[in-house]
Amino acid sequence: MSGSSRRSAPWMIAAALVAVALVAGATTAASGDSIPDDPAEGAAPDPTLSVALAYEFLDARVDQFCDGEGHCLPRSYEGGFFTDLPTWDFTPSFVYDDALVVIAYTARGLPDDIRRAQAIGDTLLFVQENDPIGDGRTRASYEPHGIRQGRVEITGPGTFTGNQAWVGMALTRLFHATGEQKYLDGAVRIAQWIQTNTADMVRAPYGYTGGQLEDGTSLLWKSTEHNSDIAGFFTQLAEVSGDQVWADRAAVATDFVAAMQSADGHVDTGTLLDGSTVNTHPVPLDSQTWTSLSTGDDRYDTALDWTLANLIATDGQYQGPSISDTDVSKVWFEGSGHLALALKLRDGAGDADRAEALLDSIRLGQRDAANGDGKGIVATSTDGLDSGFGDLYYASLHTGATAWYLLAAAGDNPFTLPVD
């Protein structure tokens, strides 16, 4: 499956285990339908309290699975489909989610936030150091019960390029926040793995391929999402290390992303297996938002406008983007977070109001959504959102969605380092 997202992993594992103004005012939006000024049936929760409660949710998840050495790893999903079925409780921790939690903690930066961010970061270094291959990689997911027992238990053995870049961004952010060399060293090891194992300077457009499966098989397609991740990670690494080679490599990833932009402004998902032919279906949200966030290039303003015109879903009282153009019947709250952040940072006419409408809808979900706890954010507004990549998403509490909400509320772009 070319262009596959690392976020597909939990839903694919699950399937194997269990057989408002958002559109109004967008200058290039094609749809005439607009989200009401008040997206709620009743007032949205207070933003300050909502943020505090979301951090409380993350605190509880981080503190749940820790060993005596201070390693902690939060489970990614809880409640609903991932907990309530009679035969299982799905506890794996996905490193993409863990990276987001680390960055969200550094965004607020209280002493306990940094302590918890380091507890996760130290665990990412621990699993990197104790990997059975031991070449600097991390894997898609780990079992936090194993971490609590002081051992590494791999639950998602694939080594996907985007995951590596997110772990790298988390470690780079920790180095920036603490000055501790171990985090930079770990980030450099990951970057070197990406460069050695996924750089493709043979098949144009040049860029980085999808990573490796457990058996060492290389994934030969290239993903817009993954290359956006690399563009952000390598740019950060160049900044903190002073090594220009990482900036040069970031430019390769950035050029690949630009090659995926279509004539109408949207950005396609990546390539097919030949590494060159553009994969045009489905069109995912993150190819629109992450290109903007990772590059800061206003050429992707049209991709954000395309999103507002084509990917906005309404599900009861909730409004926000879906995962892709395959299914726009439900809201993907994780995507609401990064769309809100992209609009905030673009700061065009009406963008602040659009971003706030998205955040208000997330806050309503925090308070009212099925399977919620009043603190964390569920992945989707209701169960069964089809990603278009062969998997379904569910309304279960999600550390990644919660972290994206906090980053959007703070206006903190995880693809860049904070300005000192």
Protein backbone atom coordinates (compact mmCIF):
# COMPACT_ATOMS: atom_id res chain seq x y z
CA MET A 1 0.00 0.00 0.00
CA SER A 2 1.88 3.04 -1.22
CA GLY A 3 1.88 6.19 0.82
CA SER A 4 0.64 4.36 3.92
CA SER A 5 0.56 6.33 7.14
CA ARG A 6 2.13 5.09 10.33
CA ARG A 7 -1.21 5.84 11.96
CA SER A 8 -2.72 2.96 10.03
CA ALA A 9 -0.86 0.50 12.22
CA PRO A 10 -3.23 0.27 15.23
CA TRP A 11 -6.31 -0.08 13.10
CA MET A 12 -4.73 -2.74 10.90
CA ILE A 13 -3.62 -4.66 13.99
CA ALA A 14 -7.14 -4.35 15.37
CA ALA A 15 -8.66 -5.68 12.17
CA ALA A 16 -6.36 -8.66 12.32
CA LEU A 17 -7.18 -9.30 15.94
CA VAL A 18 -10.88 -8.74 15.63
CA ALA A 19 -12.34 -10.20 12.37
CA VAL A 20 -17.00 27.09 11.31
CA ALA A 21 -16.85 28.89 9.75
CA LEU A 22 -14.32 26.63 8.20
CA VAL A 23 -15.32 26.85 4.54
CA ALA A 24 -16.86 30.36 4.56
CA GLY A 25 -14.33 32.94 3.51
CA ALA A 26 -11.73 30.55 2.07
CA THR A 27 -10.80 32.38 -1.08
CA THR A 28 -10.40 29.33 -3.29
CA ALA A 29 -12.92 27.04 -1.57
CA ALA A 30 -15.27 25.41 -4.04
CA SER A 31 -18.02 24.37 -1.63
CA GLY A 32 -20.82 26.73 -0.74
CA ASP A 33 -21.65 24.86 2.45
CA SER A 34 -20.34 26.48 5.60
CA ILE A 35 -20.11 25.46 9.22
CA PRO A 36 -22.33 27.48 11.55
CA ASP A 37 -20.70 30.23 13.57
CA ASP A 38 -21.55 28.27 16.73
CA PRO A 39 -20.45 24.67 16.11
CA ALA A 40 -21.92 23.49 19.39
CA GLU A 41 -25.33 22.62 20.64
CA GLY A 42 -24.50 24.69 23.70
CA ALA A 43 -21.34 26.57 24.54
CA ALA A 44 -17.95 24.96 24.05
CA PRO A 45 -15.90 24.33 27.21
CA ASP A 46 -13.56 27.00 28.54
CA PRO A 47 -10.28 26.78 26.57
CA THR A 48 -7.97 27.23 29.56
CA LEU A 49 -9.70 24.55 31.60
CA SER A 50 -9.86 22.28 28.55
CA VAL A 51 -6.09 22.48 28.04
CA ALA A 52 -5.44 21.78 31.72
CA LEU A 53 -7.68 18.72 31.60
CA ALA A 54 -5.99 17.43 28.45
CA TYR A 55 -2.60 17.63 30.15
CA GLU A 56 -4.08 15.76 33.14
CA PHE A 57 -5.10 13.01 30.73
CA LEU A 58 -1.57 12.74 29.35
CA ASP A 59 -0.08 12.83 32.87
CA ALA A 60 -2.16 9.84 33.91
CA ARG A 61 -1.24 7.89 30.79
CA VAL A 62 2.49 8.56 31.17
CA ASP A 63 2.51 7.67 34.85
CA GLN A 64 0.61 4.41 34.33
CA PHE A 65 3.47 2.37 32.87
CA CYS A 66 6.88 3.19 34.37
CA ASP A 67 9.78 1.07 35.56
CA GLY A 68 12.13 1.64 38.47
CA GLU A 69 14.66 3.39 36.22
CA GLY A 70 12.24 6.16 35.28
CA HIS A 71 11.31 4.81 31.85
CA CYS A 72 7.65 5.49 31.02
CA LEU A 73 5.61 4.75 27.91
CA PRO A 74 1.90 5.64 27.63
CA ARG A 75 -0.58 3.37 25.90
CA SER A 76 -1.86 5.07 22.76
CA TYR A 77 -5.56 4.11 22.83
CA GLU A 78 -8.10 3.35 25.49
CA GLY A 79 -11.85 2.93 25.68
CA GLY A 80 -14.47 1.86 23.20
CA PHE A 81 -13.27 -0.51 20.49
CA PHE A 82 -9.80 -0.81 22.01
CA THR A 83 -10.85 -1.69 25.54
CA ASP A 84 -14.49 -2.68 25.83
CA LEU A 85 -14.63 -5.81 23.72
CA PRO A 86 -14.82 -8.89 25.97
CA THR A 87 -11.67 -10.56 24.65
CA TRP A 88 -8.97 -7.87 24.72
CA ASP A 89 -7.53 -4.64 26.04
CA PHE A 90 -5.31 -3.05 23.40
CA THR A 91 -2.39 -1.41 25.20
CA PRO A 92 0.50 -0.87 22.72
CA SER A 93 2.28 2.46 22.63
CA PHE A 94 2.97 3.86 19.16
CA VAL A 95 6.17 5.88 18.88
CA TYR A 96 4.48 8.48 16.67
CA ASP A 97 2.05 9.20 19.51
CA ASP A 98 4.87 9.15 22.06
CA ALA A 99 6.80 11.72 20.05
CA LEU A 100 3.79 14.02 19.93
CA VAL A 101 3.32 13.71 23.69
CA VAL A 102 6.98 14.64 24.26
CA ILE A 103 6.64 17.71 22.05
CA ALA A 104 3.34 18.74 23.65
CA TYR A 105 4.99 18.62 27.08
CA THR A 106 7.85 20.82 25.90
CA ALA A 107 5.28 23.25 24.49
CA ARG A 108 3.99 24.03 27.99
CA GLY A 109 7.34 23.39 29.63
CA LEU A 110 6.45 23.18 33.32
CA PRO A 111 9.01 21.27 35.44
CA ASP A 112 6.78 18.18 35.64
CA ASP A 113 6.13 18.44 31.90
CA ILE A 114 9.84 18.30 31.15
CA ARG A 115 10.29 15.44 33.63
CA ARG A 116 7.59 13.39 31.90
CA ALA A 117 8.89 14.32 28.45
CA GLN A 118 12.33 13.07 29.47
CA ALA A 119 10.84 9.87 30.91
CA ILE A 120 9.37 9.11 27.49
CA GLY A 121 12.48 10.31 25.65
CA ASP A 122 14.70 8.13 27.81
CA THR A 123 12.44 5.19 27.01
CA LEU A 124 12.79 5.87 23.28
CA LEU A 125 16.57 5.83 23.75
CA PHE A 126 16.22 2.61 25.77
CA VAL A 127 14.29 0.78 23.05
CA GLN A 128 16.68 2.14 20.41
CA GLU A 129 19.72 0.90 22.34
CA ASN A 130 18.16 -2.50 23.06
CA ASP A 131 16.75 -3.20 19.60
CA PRO A 132 17.60 -6.75 18.41
CA ILE A 133 19.07 -5.36 15.18
CA GLY A 134 20.75 -2.46 16.95
CA ASP A 135 21.44 -0.16 14.01
CA GLY A 136 19.82 2.98 15.41
CA ARG A 137 16.23 2.23 14.44
CA THR A 138 13.11 2.22 16.56
CA ARG A 139 9.95 0.21 15.76
CA ALA A 140 6.35 1.21 15.18
CA SER A 141 5.09 0.30 18.66
CA TYR A 142 6.00 -1.28 21.98
CA GLU A 143 4.13 -2.87 24.86
CA PRO A 144 4.14 -0.55 27.90
CA HIS A 145 3.59 -3.51 30.23
CA GLY A 146 7.02 -4.69 29.09
CA ILE A 147 8.57 -1.29 29.80
CA ARG A 148 7.11 -1.39 33.31
CA GLN A 149 8.93 -4.70 33.76
CA GLY A 150 12.20 -3.23 32.50
CA ARG A 151 12.27 -4.99 29.12
CA VAL A 152 11.63 -4.19 25.47
CA GLU A 153 8.59 -5.91 23.97
CA ILE A 154 8.05 -4.97 20.32
CA THR A 155 4.42 -5.04 19.19
CA GLY A 156 4.80 -3.30 15.82
CA PRO A 157 8.07 -4.55 14.32
CA GLY A 158 8.04 -2.46 11.17
CA THR A 159 10.53 0.40 10.82
CA PHE A 160 8.60 3.08 8.97
CA THR A 161 10.39 6.20 7.85
CA GLY A 162 7.82 8.64 9.19
CA ASN A 163 7.94 7.04 12.62
CA GLN A 164 11.70 7.40 12.68
CA ALA A 165 11.47 11.08 11.80
CA TRP A 166 8.90 11.73 14.55
CA VAL A 167 11.06 10.03 17.18
CA GLY A 168 13.95 12.11 15.85
CA MET A 169 11.94 15.32 16.19
CA ALA A 170 11.00 14.42 19.76
CA LEU A 171 14.63 13.76 20.72
CA THR A 172 15.78 16.93 18.97
CA ARG A 173 13.14 18.91 20.83
CA LEU A 174 14.33 17.38 24.11
CA PHE A 175 17.92 18.32 23.32
CA HIS A 176 16.75 21.86 22.58
CA ALA A 177 14.80 21.98 25.86
CA THR A 178 17.39 20.37 28.16
CA GLY A 179 20.79 20.58 26.47
CA GLU A 180 21.42 16.89 27.26
CA GLN A 181 23.70 15.41 24.60
CA LYS A 182 22.17 11.93 24.74
CA TYR A 183 19.04 13.19 23.01
CA LEU A 184 20.98 14.71 20.13
CA ASP A 185 23.07 11.54 19.82
CA GLY A 186 19.91 9.43 19.59
CA ALA A 187 18.41 11.75 17.01
CA VAL A 188 21.54 11.59 14.86
CA ARG A 189 21.51 7.77 14.97
CA ILE A 190 17.92 7.78 13.71
CA ALA A 191 18.71 10.31 10.99
CA GLN A 192 21.63 8.19 9.82
CA TRP A 193 19.34 5.13 9.68
CA ILE A 194 16.87 7.05 7.52
CA GLN A 195 19.61 8.26 5.19
CA THR A 196 21.31 4.87 4.86
CA ASN A 197 18.16 2.80 4.40
CA THR A 198 15.59 4.98 2.65
CA ALA A 199 17.28 7.70 0.57
CA ASP A 200 16.39 7.25 -3.11
CA MET A 201 18.51 9.36 -5.46
CA VAL A 202 17.93 7.04 -8.42
CA ARG A 203 14.19 7.17 -9.14
CA ALA A 204 12.89 10.68 -9.72
CA PRO A 205 11.37 12.52 -8.03
CA TYR A 206 14.15 11.93 -5.52
CA GLY A 207 13.24 11.53 -1.89
CA TYR A 208 12.89 8.95 0.88
CA THR A 209 11.10 5.61 0.72
CA GLY A 210 8.74 4.06 3.25
CA GLY A 211 11.17 2.13 5.45
CA GLN A 212 11.49 -1.59 6.14
CA LEU A 213 9.34 -4.49 7.25
CA GLU A 214 10.39 -6.83 10.05
CA ASP A 215 12.13 -9.20 7.64
CA GLY A 216 14.24 -6.40 6.16
CA THR A 217 12.11 -5.98 3.03
CA SER A 218 12.31 -2.38 1.86
CA LEU A 219 9.13 -0.42 1.18
CA LEU A 220 9.87 1.11 -2.20
CA TRP A 221 7.08 3.66 -2.43
CA LYS A 222 7.63 7.23 -1.29
CA SER A 223 5.16 9.05 0.94
CA THR A 224 4.45 12.77 0.97
CA GLU A 225 3.75 12.48 4.67
CA HIS A 226 7.06 10.76 5.41
CA ASN A 227 9.05 13.24 3.35
CA SER A 228 7.31 16.12 5.14
CA ASP A 229 8.40 14.52 8.41
CA ILE A 230 11.97 14.22 7.19
CA ALA A 231 12.01 17.81 5.95
CA GLY A 232 11.09 18.99 9.43
CA PHE A 233 13.39 16.60 11.29
CA PHE A 234 16.49 17.11 9.18
CA THR A 235 16.03 20.90 9.22
CA GLN A 236 15.88 20.82 13.02
CA LEU A 237 18.89 18.53 13.17
CA ALA A 238 20.91 20.90 11.01
CA GLU A 239 19.95 23.75 13.32
CA VAL A 240 21.03 22.08 16.56
CA SER A 241 24.05 20.17 15.24
CA GLY A 242 25.43 22.82 12.94
CA ASP A 243 25.98 20.16 10.26
CA GLN A 244 24.87 21.54 6.87
CA VAL A 245 24.53 18.07 5.37
CA TRP A 246 21.21 17.65 7.15
CA ALA A 247 19.86 20.85 5.64
CA ASP A 248 20.90 19.60 2.20
CA ARG A 249 19.09 16.31 2.83
CA ALA A 250 16.03 18.15 4.13
CA ALA A 251 15.93 19.97 0.79
CA VAL A 252 15.67 16.64 -1.04
CA ALA A 253 12.59 15.73 1.01
CA THR A 254 11.13 19.20 0.52
CA ASP A 255 11.58 18.95 -3.25
CA PHE A 256 9.83 15.57 -3.27
CA VAL A 257 6.84 17.07 -1.45
CA ALA A 258 6.67 19.91 -3.96
CA ALA A 259 6.65 17.37 -6.81
CA MET A 260 3.50 15.82 -5.34
CA GLN A 261 1.44 19.02 -5.61
CA SER A 262 -1.28 18.79 -8.24
CA ALA A 263 -2.55 21.43 -10.64
CA ASP A 264 -5.54 22.32 -8.43
CA GLY A 265 -3.28 22.88 -5.40
CA HIS A 266 -3.88 19.75 -3.35
CA VAL A 267 -0.94 17.47 -2.57
CA ASP A 268 -1.12 13.79 -3.46
CA THR A 269 -0.24 10.96 -1.10
CA GLY A 270 3.06 9.94 -2.70
CA THR A 271 4.15 7.41 -5.31
CA LEU A 272 3.32 3.88 -6.31
CA LEU A 273 5.80 1.03 -5.88
CA ASP A 274 7.94 2.24 -8.78
CA GLY A 275 8.88 5.28 -6.70
CA SER A 276 7.98 7.67 -9.53
CA THR A 277 4.33 7.34 -10.58
CA VAL A 278 2.11 9.58 -8.46
CA ASN A 279 -0.50 7.81 -6.34
CA THR A 280 -3.58 10.00 -6.71
CA HIS A 281 -6.10 8.20 -4.49
CA PRO A 282 -6.97 8.65 -1.77
CA VAL A 283 -6.03 12.25 -1.02
CA PRO A 284 -5.19 12.41 2.70
CA LEU A 285 -5.46 15.40 5.02
CA ASP A 286 -1.90 15.23 6.32
CA SER A 287 -0.49 15.65 2.82
CA GLN A 288 -2.16 19.08 2.90
CA THR A 289 -1.49 20.20 6.47
CA TRP A 290 1.93 18.69 7.16
CA THR A 291 3.38 20.04 3.92
CA SER A 292 2.42 23.51 5.11
CA LEU A 293 3.66 22.96 8.66
CA SER A 294 6.95 21.28 7.74
CA THR A 295 8.04 23.68 5.00
CA GLY A 296 6.38 26.98 5.92
CA ASP A 297 6.00 27.51 2.15
CA ASP A 298 2.98 29.54 1.09
CA ARG A 299 2.67 27.44 -2.06
CA TYR A 300 0.68 25.06 0.18
CA ASP A 301 -1.92 27.70 1.03
CA THR A 302 -3.88 26.25 -1.88
CA ALA A 303 -3.66 22.80 -0.27
CA LEU A 304 -5.21 24.19 2.92
CA ASP A 305 -7.96 25.85 0.89
CA TRP A 306 -8.56 22.58 -0.96
CA THR A 307 -8.92 20.89 2.43
CA LEU A 308 -11.53 23.41 3.56
CA ALA A 309 -13.50 22.82 0.39
CA ASN A 310 -13.24 19.03 0.19
CA LEU A 311 -12.40 17.30 3.48
CA ILE A 312 -14.64 18.93 6.10
CA ALA A 313 -17.09 16.56 7.78
CA THR A 314 -20.14 17.20 9.94
CA ASP A 315 -21.12 14.51 12.44
CA GLY A 316 -23.85 15.71 14.79
CA GLN A 317 -22.50 18.65 16.73
CA TYR A 318 -18.93 18.07 15.55
CA GLN A 319 -17.27 19.67 12.53
CA GLY A 320 -13.76 19.17 11.26
CA PRO A 321 -11.64 17.36 8.69
CA SER A 322 -11.77 13.70 7.82
CA ILE A 323 -8.70 11.56 7.16
CA SER A 324 -9.05 11.55 3.39
CA ASP A 325 -11.51 12.16 0.60
CA THR A 326 -12.64 8.52 0.82
CA ASP A 327 -15.01 9.12 3.74
CA VAL A 328 -16.10 12.55 4.97
CA SER A 329 -18.89 11.31 7.24
CA LYS A 330 -17.00 11.65 10.53
CA VAL A 331 -14.53 14.03 12.14
CA TRP A 332 -10.93 12.99 12.72
CA PHE A 333 -10.02 15.01 15.82
CA GLU A 334 -6.30 14.41 15.41
CA GLY A 335 -6.57 16.02 11.99
CA SER A 336 -8.61 18.87 13.45
CA GLY A 337 -5.60 19.65 15.60
CA HIS A 338 -3.07 19.90 12.80
CA LEU A 339 -5.48 21.71 10.47
CA ALA A 340 -6.21 24.26 13.22
CA LEU A 341 -2.48 24.73 13.78
CA ALA A 342 -1.77 25.14 10.06
CA LEU A 343 -4.52 27.77 9.78
CA LYS A 344 -3.26 29.59 12.85
CA LEU A 345 0.24 29.77 11.45
CA ARG A 346 -0.92 30.74 7.95
CA ASP A 347 -2.92 33.58 9.56
CA GLY A 348 -4.81 34.60 6.43
CA ALA A 349 -8.17 36.33 6.34
CA GLY A 350 -10.59 34.32 8.48
CA ASP A 351 -8.02 31.70 9.47
CA ALA A 352 -8.05 32.57 13.18
CA ASP A 353 -11.83 32.08 13.31
CA ARG A 354 -11.61 28.83 11.36
CA ALA A 355 -8.93 27.51 13.69
CA GLU A 356 -10.93 28.46 16.77
CA ALA A 357 -14.02 26.75 15.37
CA LEU A 358 -12.00 23.57 14.94
CA LEU A 359 -10.63 23.82 18.47
CA ASP A 360 -14.11 24.44 19.87
CA SER A 361 -15.35 21.29 18.17
CA ILE A 362 -12.46 19.30 19.67
CA ARG A 363 -13.37 20.70 23.09
CA LEU A 364 -16.96 19.59 22.59
CA GLY A 365 -15.67 16.13 21.80
CA GLN A 366 -13.49 16.23 24.89
CA ARG A 367 -16.61 16.87 26.94
CA ASP A 368 -19.28 14.88 25.11
CA ALA A 369 -17.88 12.27 22.71
CA ALA A 370 -18.63 8.61 23.15
CA ASN A 371 -15.95 6.73 25.14
CA GLY A 372 -14.42 9.96 26.44
CA ASP A 373 -13.42 10.75 29.99
CA GLY A 374 -13.84 14.54 29.97
CA LYS A 375 -10.09 15.05 29.68
CA GLY A 376 -8.54 13.28 26.71
CA ILE A 377 -9.49 13.54 23.04
CA VAL A 378 -10.94 10.61 21.13
CA ALA A 379 -9.57 9.78 17.70
CA THR A 380 -12.84 10.21 15.78
CA SER A 381 -16.28 11.66 16.42
CA THR A 382 -17.91 8.22 16.04
CA ASP A 383 -16.67 4.71 15.22
CA GLY A 384 -15.86 3.41 11.79
CA LEU A 385 -14.17 6.24 9.88
CA ASP A 386 -12.66 4.77 6.69
CA SER A 387 -9.16 6.13 6.12
CA GLY A 388 -9.08 5.10 2.48
CA PHE A 389 -5.93 3.06 3.14
CA GLY A 390 -7.73 -0.15 4.07
CA ASP A 391 -8.42 0.51 7.74
CA LEU A 392 -11.02 2.00 10.07
CA TYR A 393 -10.61 4.53 12.88
CA TYR A 394 -12.61 4.54 16.12
CA ALA A 395 -13.85 6.87 18.83
CA SER A 396 -11.33 5.82 21.47
CA LEU A 397 -9.22 8.06 23.68
CA HIS A 398 -5.94 8.75 21.93
CA THR A 399 -2.71 10.27 23.22
CA GLY A 400 -1.76 11.47 19.73
CA ALA A 401 -5.04 13.30 19.15
CA THR A 402 -4.78 14.87 22.60
CA ALA A 403 -1.21 16.03 21.96
CA TRP A 404 -2.13 17.55 18.58
CA TYR A 405 -4.95 19.47 20.28
CA LEU A 406 -2.53 20.87 22.85
CA LEU A 407 -0.01 21.87 20.19
CA ALA A 408 -2.72 23.60 18.18
CA ALA A 409 -4.05 25.41 21.24
CA ALA A 410 -0.51 26.61 22.02
CA GLY A 411 0.33 27.47 18.42
CA ASP A 412 3.43 25.26 18.68
CA ASN A 413 4.58 23.69 15.40
CA PRO A 414 6.23 20.29 16.06
CA PHE A 415 8.06 20.47 12.72
CA THR A 416 10.11 23.46 13.91
CA LEU A 417 12.07 24.25 17.04
CA PRO A 418 10.84 27.03 19.33
CA VAL A 419 12.55 30.37 18.93
CA ASP A 420 14.76 31.00 21.96
